[in-house]
Amino acid sequence: MKLTVNVEKLQELLALKGYNKYSFSRASGISDETLRKILRDEVSSPKMAKRISEALEIDLTEVFSLA
């Protein structure tokens, strides 16, 4: 099974929380390159999903799912 990201929902949440890609990568501890890959749904690991959900203060399932 692969962890997939709802890219549209993630981008919507980033905007609602006032983040751009650069500021969110700093706040979440995710490198700029990794965040770009996540936003293209190329890379999604449980570790990255956890960092994103914690930084956005959301439930992991709001943006990620198993496919």
N, C-alpha and C. Protein backbone atom coordinates (compact mmCIF):
# COMPACT_ATOMS: atom_id res chain seq x y z
N MET A 1 0.84 -1.19 0.00
CA MET A 1 0.00 0.00 0.00
C MET A 1 0.88 1.24 0.00
N LYS A 2 0.39 2.25 -0.69
CA LYS A 2 1.11 3.50 -0.80
C LYS A 2 0.34 4.60 -0.09
N LEU A 3 1.09 5.44 0.59
CA LEU A 3 0.50 6.61 1.22
C LEU A 3 0.38 7.70 0.17
N THR A 4 -0.83 8.19 -0.04
CA THR A 4 -1.04 9.23 -1.05
C THR A 4 -1.50 10.52 -0.37
N VAL A 5 -1.24 11.60 -1.04
CA VAL A 5 -1.60 12.92 -0.51
C VAL A 5 -2.67 13.56 -1.39
N ASN A 6 -3.62 14.19 -0.75
CA ASN A 6 -4.61 14.99 -1.46
C ASN A 6 -3.96 16.37 -1.63
N VAL A 7 -3.33 16.57 -2.76
CA VAL A 7 -2.52 17.77 -3.01
C VAL A 7 -3.38 19.03 -2.93
N GLU A 8 -4.55 19.00 -3.51
CA GLU A 8 -5.42 20.18 -3.48
C GLU A 8 -5.78 20.56 -2.05
N LYS A 9 -6.12 19.56 -1.25
CA LYS A 9 -6.48 19.82 0.15
C LYS A 9 -5.28 20.36 0.92
N LEU A 10 -4.10 19.78 0.68
CA LEU A 10 -2.90 20.25 1.36
C LEU A 10 -2.61 21.71 0.99
N GLN A 11 -2.69 22.04 -0.29
CA GLN A 11 -2.44 23.42 -0.71
C GLN A 11 -3.48 24.38 -0.12
N GLU A 12 -4.71 23.93 -0.04
CA GLU A 12 -5.77 24.74 0.56
C GLU A 12 -5.47 25.01 2.04
N LEU A 13 -5.06 23.98 2.76
CA LEU A 13 -4.74 24.14 4.18
C LEU A 13 -3.53 25.03 4.40
N LEU A 14 -2.53 24.90 3.54
CA LEU A 14 -1.36 25.77 3.65
C LEU A 14 -1.77 27.23 3.51
N ALA A 15 -2.62 27.51 2.53
CA ALA A 15 -3.09 28.88 2.30
C ALA A 15 -3.93 29.38 3.48
N LEU A 16 -4.82 28.52 3.98
CA LEU A 16 -5.67 28.92 5.11
C LEU A 16 -4.86 29.23 6.35
N LYS A 17 -3.76 28.52 6.53
CA LYS A 17 -2.89 28.72 7.71
C LYS A 17 -1.86 29.83 7.47
N GLY A 18 -1.86 30.41 6.26
CA GLY A 18 -0.97 31.52 5.97
C GLY A 18 0.45 31.13 5.60
N TYR A 19 0.63 29.90 5.16
CA TYR A 19 1.96 29.43 4.77
C TYR A 19 2.17 29.54 3.27
N ASN A 20 3.40 29.85 2.88
CA ASN A 20 3.83 29.59 1.52
C ASN A 20 4.74 28.36 1.60
N LYS A 21 5.21 27.86 0.49
CA LYS A 21 6.02 26.64 0.51
C LYS A 21 7.27 26.79 1.36
N TYR A 22 7.92 27.94 1.24
CA TYR A 22 9.16 28.16 1.98
C TYR A 22 8.91 28.20 3.49
N SER A 23 7.93 28.99 3.91
CA SER A 23 7.68 29.12 5.35
C SER A 23 7.19 27.81 5.95
N PHE A 24 6.41 27.05 5.17
CA PHE A 24 5.94 25.77 5.70
C PHE A 24 7.07 24.76 5.81
N SER A 25 7.97 24.75 4.85
CA SER A 25 9.08 23.80 4.93
C SER A 25 9.91 24.09 6.18
N ARG A 26 10.09 25.35 6.53
CA ARG A 26 10.83 25.71 7.74
C ARG A 26 10.05 25.31 8.99
N ALA A 27 8.76 25.59 9.01
CA ALA A 27 7.94 25.30 10.18
C ALA A 27 7.80 23.80 10.44
N SER A 28 7.79 23.02 9.37
CA SER A 28 7.57 21.58 9.51
C SER A 28 8.86 20.78 9.60
N GLY A 29 9.99 21.40 9.26
CA GLY A 29 11.25 20.67 9.27
C GLY A 29 11.44 19.79 8.05
N ILE A 30 10.67 20.06 7.01
CA ILE A 30 10.77 19.31 5.76
C ILE A 30 11.54 20.16 4.76
N SER A 31 12.49 19.56 4.07
CA SER A 31 13.28 20.34 3.11
C SER A 31 12.39 20.86 1.98
N ASP A 32 12.85 21.95 1.37
CA ASP A 32 12.10 22.54 0.25
C ASP A 32 11.87 21.51 -0.86
N GLU A 33 12.91 20.76 -1.19
CA GLU A 33 12.83 19.77 -2.26
C GLU A 33 11.82 18.67 -1.93
N THR A 34 11.85 18.18 -0.70
CA THR A 34 10.90 17.14 -0.30
C THR A 34 9.48 17.67 -0.33
N LEU A 35 9.27 18.89 0.13
CA LEU A 35 7.93 19.47 0.09
C LEU A 35 7.44 19.61 -1.35
N ARG A 36 8.31 20.03 -2.25
CA ARG A 36 7.92 20.12 -3.67
C ARG A 36 7.49 18.74 -4.20
N LYS A 37 8.22 17.70 -3.82
CA LYS A 37 7.87 16.35 -4.27
C LYS A 37 6.54 15.90 -3.67
N ILE A 38 6.31 16.23 -2.41
CA ILE A 38 5.05 15.88 -1.76
C ILE A 38 3.90 16.58 -2.48
N LEU A 39 4.09 17.84 -2.83
CA LEU A 39 3.04 18.61 -3.51
C LEU A 39 2.81 18.14 -4.95
N ARG A 40 3.70 17.33 -5.47
CA ARG A 40 3.50 16.69 -6.78
C ARG A 40 3.06 15.23 -6.60
N ASP A 41 2.82 14.84 -5.35
CA ASP A 41 2.43 13.47 -4.97
C ASP A 41 3.45 12.44 -5.44
N GLU A 42 4.73 12.81 -5.37
CA GLU A 42 5.80 11.90 -5.75
C GLU A 42 6.40 11.19 -4.55
N VAL A 43 6.34 11.82 -3.39
CA VAL A 43 6.94 11.27 -2.18
C VAL A 43 5.97 11.46 -1.03
N SER A 44 5.67 10.40 -0.33
CA SER A 44 4.85 10.47 0.87
C SER A 44 5.26 9.34 1.79
N SER A 45 5.89 9.67 2.86
CA SER A 45 6.25 8.66 3.85
C SER A 45 5.48 8.95 5.13
N PRO A 46 5.30 7.94 5.97
CA PRO A 46 4.60 8.18 7.24
C PRO A 46 5.27 9.28 8.07
N LYS A 47 6.58 9.35 8.02
CA LYS A 47 7.31 10.37 8.78
C LYS A 47 6.96 11.77 8.27
N MET A 48 6.93 11.95 6.96
CA MET A 48 6.60 13.25 6.39
C MET A 48 5.13 13.60 6.63
N ALA A 49 4.27 12.60 6.52
CA ALA A 49 2.84 12.82 6.77
C ALA A 49 2.62 13.30 8.21
N LYS A 50 3.34 12.70 9.14
CA LYS A 50 3.21 13.09 10.54
C LYS A 50 3.70 14.51 10.74
N ARG A 51 4.83 14.86 10.15
CA ARG A 51 5.36 16.22 10.29
C ARG A 51 4.39 17.26 9.73
N ILE A 52 3.81 16.95 8.58
CA ILE A 52 2.87 17.87 7.96
C ILE A 52 1.62 18.04 8.81
N SER A 53 1.06 16.93 9.26
CA SER A 53 -0.17 17.02 10.05
C SER A 53 0.08 17.74 11.38
N GLU A 54 1.23 17.52 11.99
CA GLU A 54 1.54 18.22 13.24
C GLU A 54 1.73 19.71 13.01
N ALA A 55 2.45 20.08 11.96
CA ALA A 55 2.70 21.50 11.68
C ALA A 55 1.40 22.24 11.34
N LEU A 56 0.48 21.56 10.66
CA LEU A 56 -0.80 22.18 10.30
C LEU A 56 -1.85 22.02 11.39
N GLU A 57 -1.51 21.23 12.42
CA GLU A 57 -2.44 20.94 13.52
C GLU A 57 -3.75 20.35 13.00
N ILE A 58 -3.59 19.31 12.18
CA ILE A 58 -4.74 18.61 11.61
C ILE A 58 -4.59 17.12 11.84
N ASP A 59 -5.67 16.40 11.65
CA ASP A 59 -5.62 14.94 11.68
C ASP A 59 -4.97 14.47 10.39
N LEU A 60 -4.12 13.49 10.50
CA LEU A 60 -3.37 12.96 9.36
C LEU A 60 -4.29 12.58 8.19
N THR A 61 -5.48 12.06 8.51
CA THR A 61 -6.39 11.58 7.47
C THR A 61 -7.07 12.70 6.68
N GLU A 62 -6.90 13.95 7.11
CA GLU A 62 -7.47 15.06 6.35
C GLU A 62 -6.77 15.25 5.01
N VAL A 63 -5.52 14.83 4.93
CA VAL A 63 -4.72 15.07 3.73
C VAL A 63 -4.16 13.78 3.14
N PHE A 64 -3.93 12.77 3.97
CA PHE A 64 -3.28 11.54 3.51
C PHE A 64 -4.22 10.35 3.59
N SER A 65 -4.00 9.40 2.68
CA SER A 65 -4.77 8.15 2.69
C SER A 65 -3.91 7.03 2.14
N LEU A 66 -4.32 5.81 2.43
CA LEU A 66 -3.63 4.64 1.88
C LEU A 66 -4.31 4.24 0.58
N ALA A 67 -3.49 3.98 -0.42
CA ALA A 67 -4.05 3.58 -1.72
C ALA A 67 -3.60 2.19 -2.06
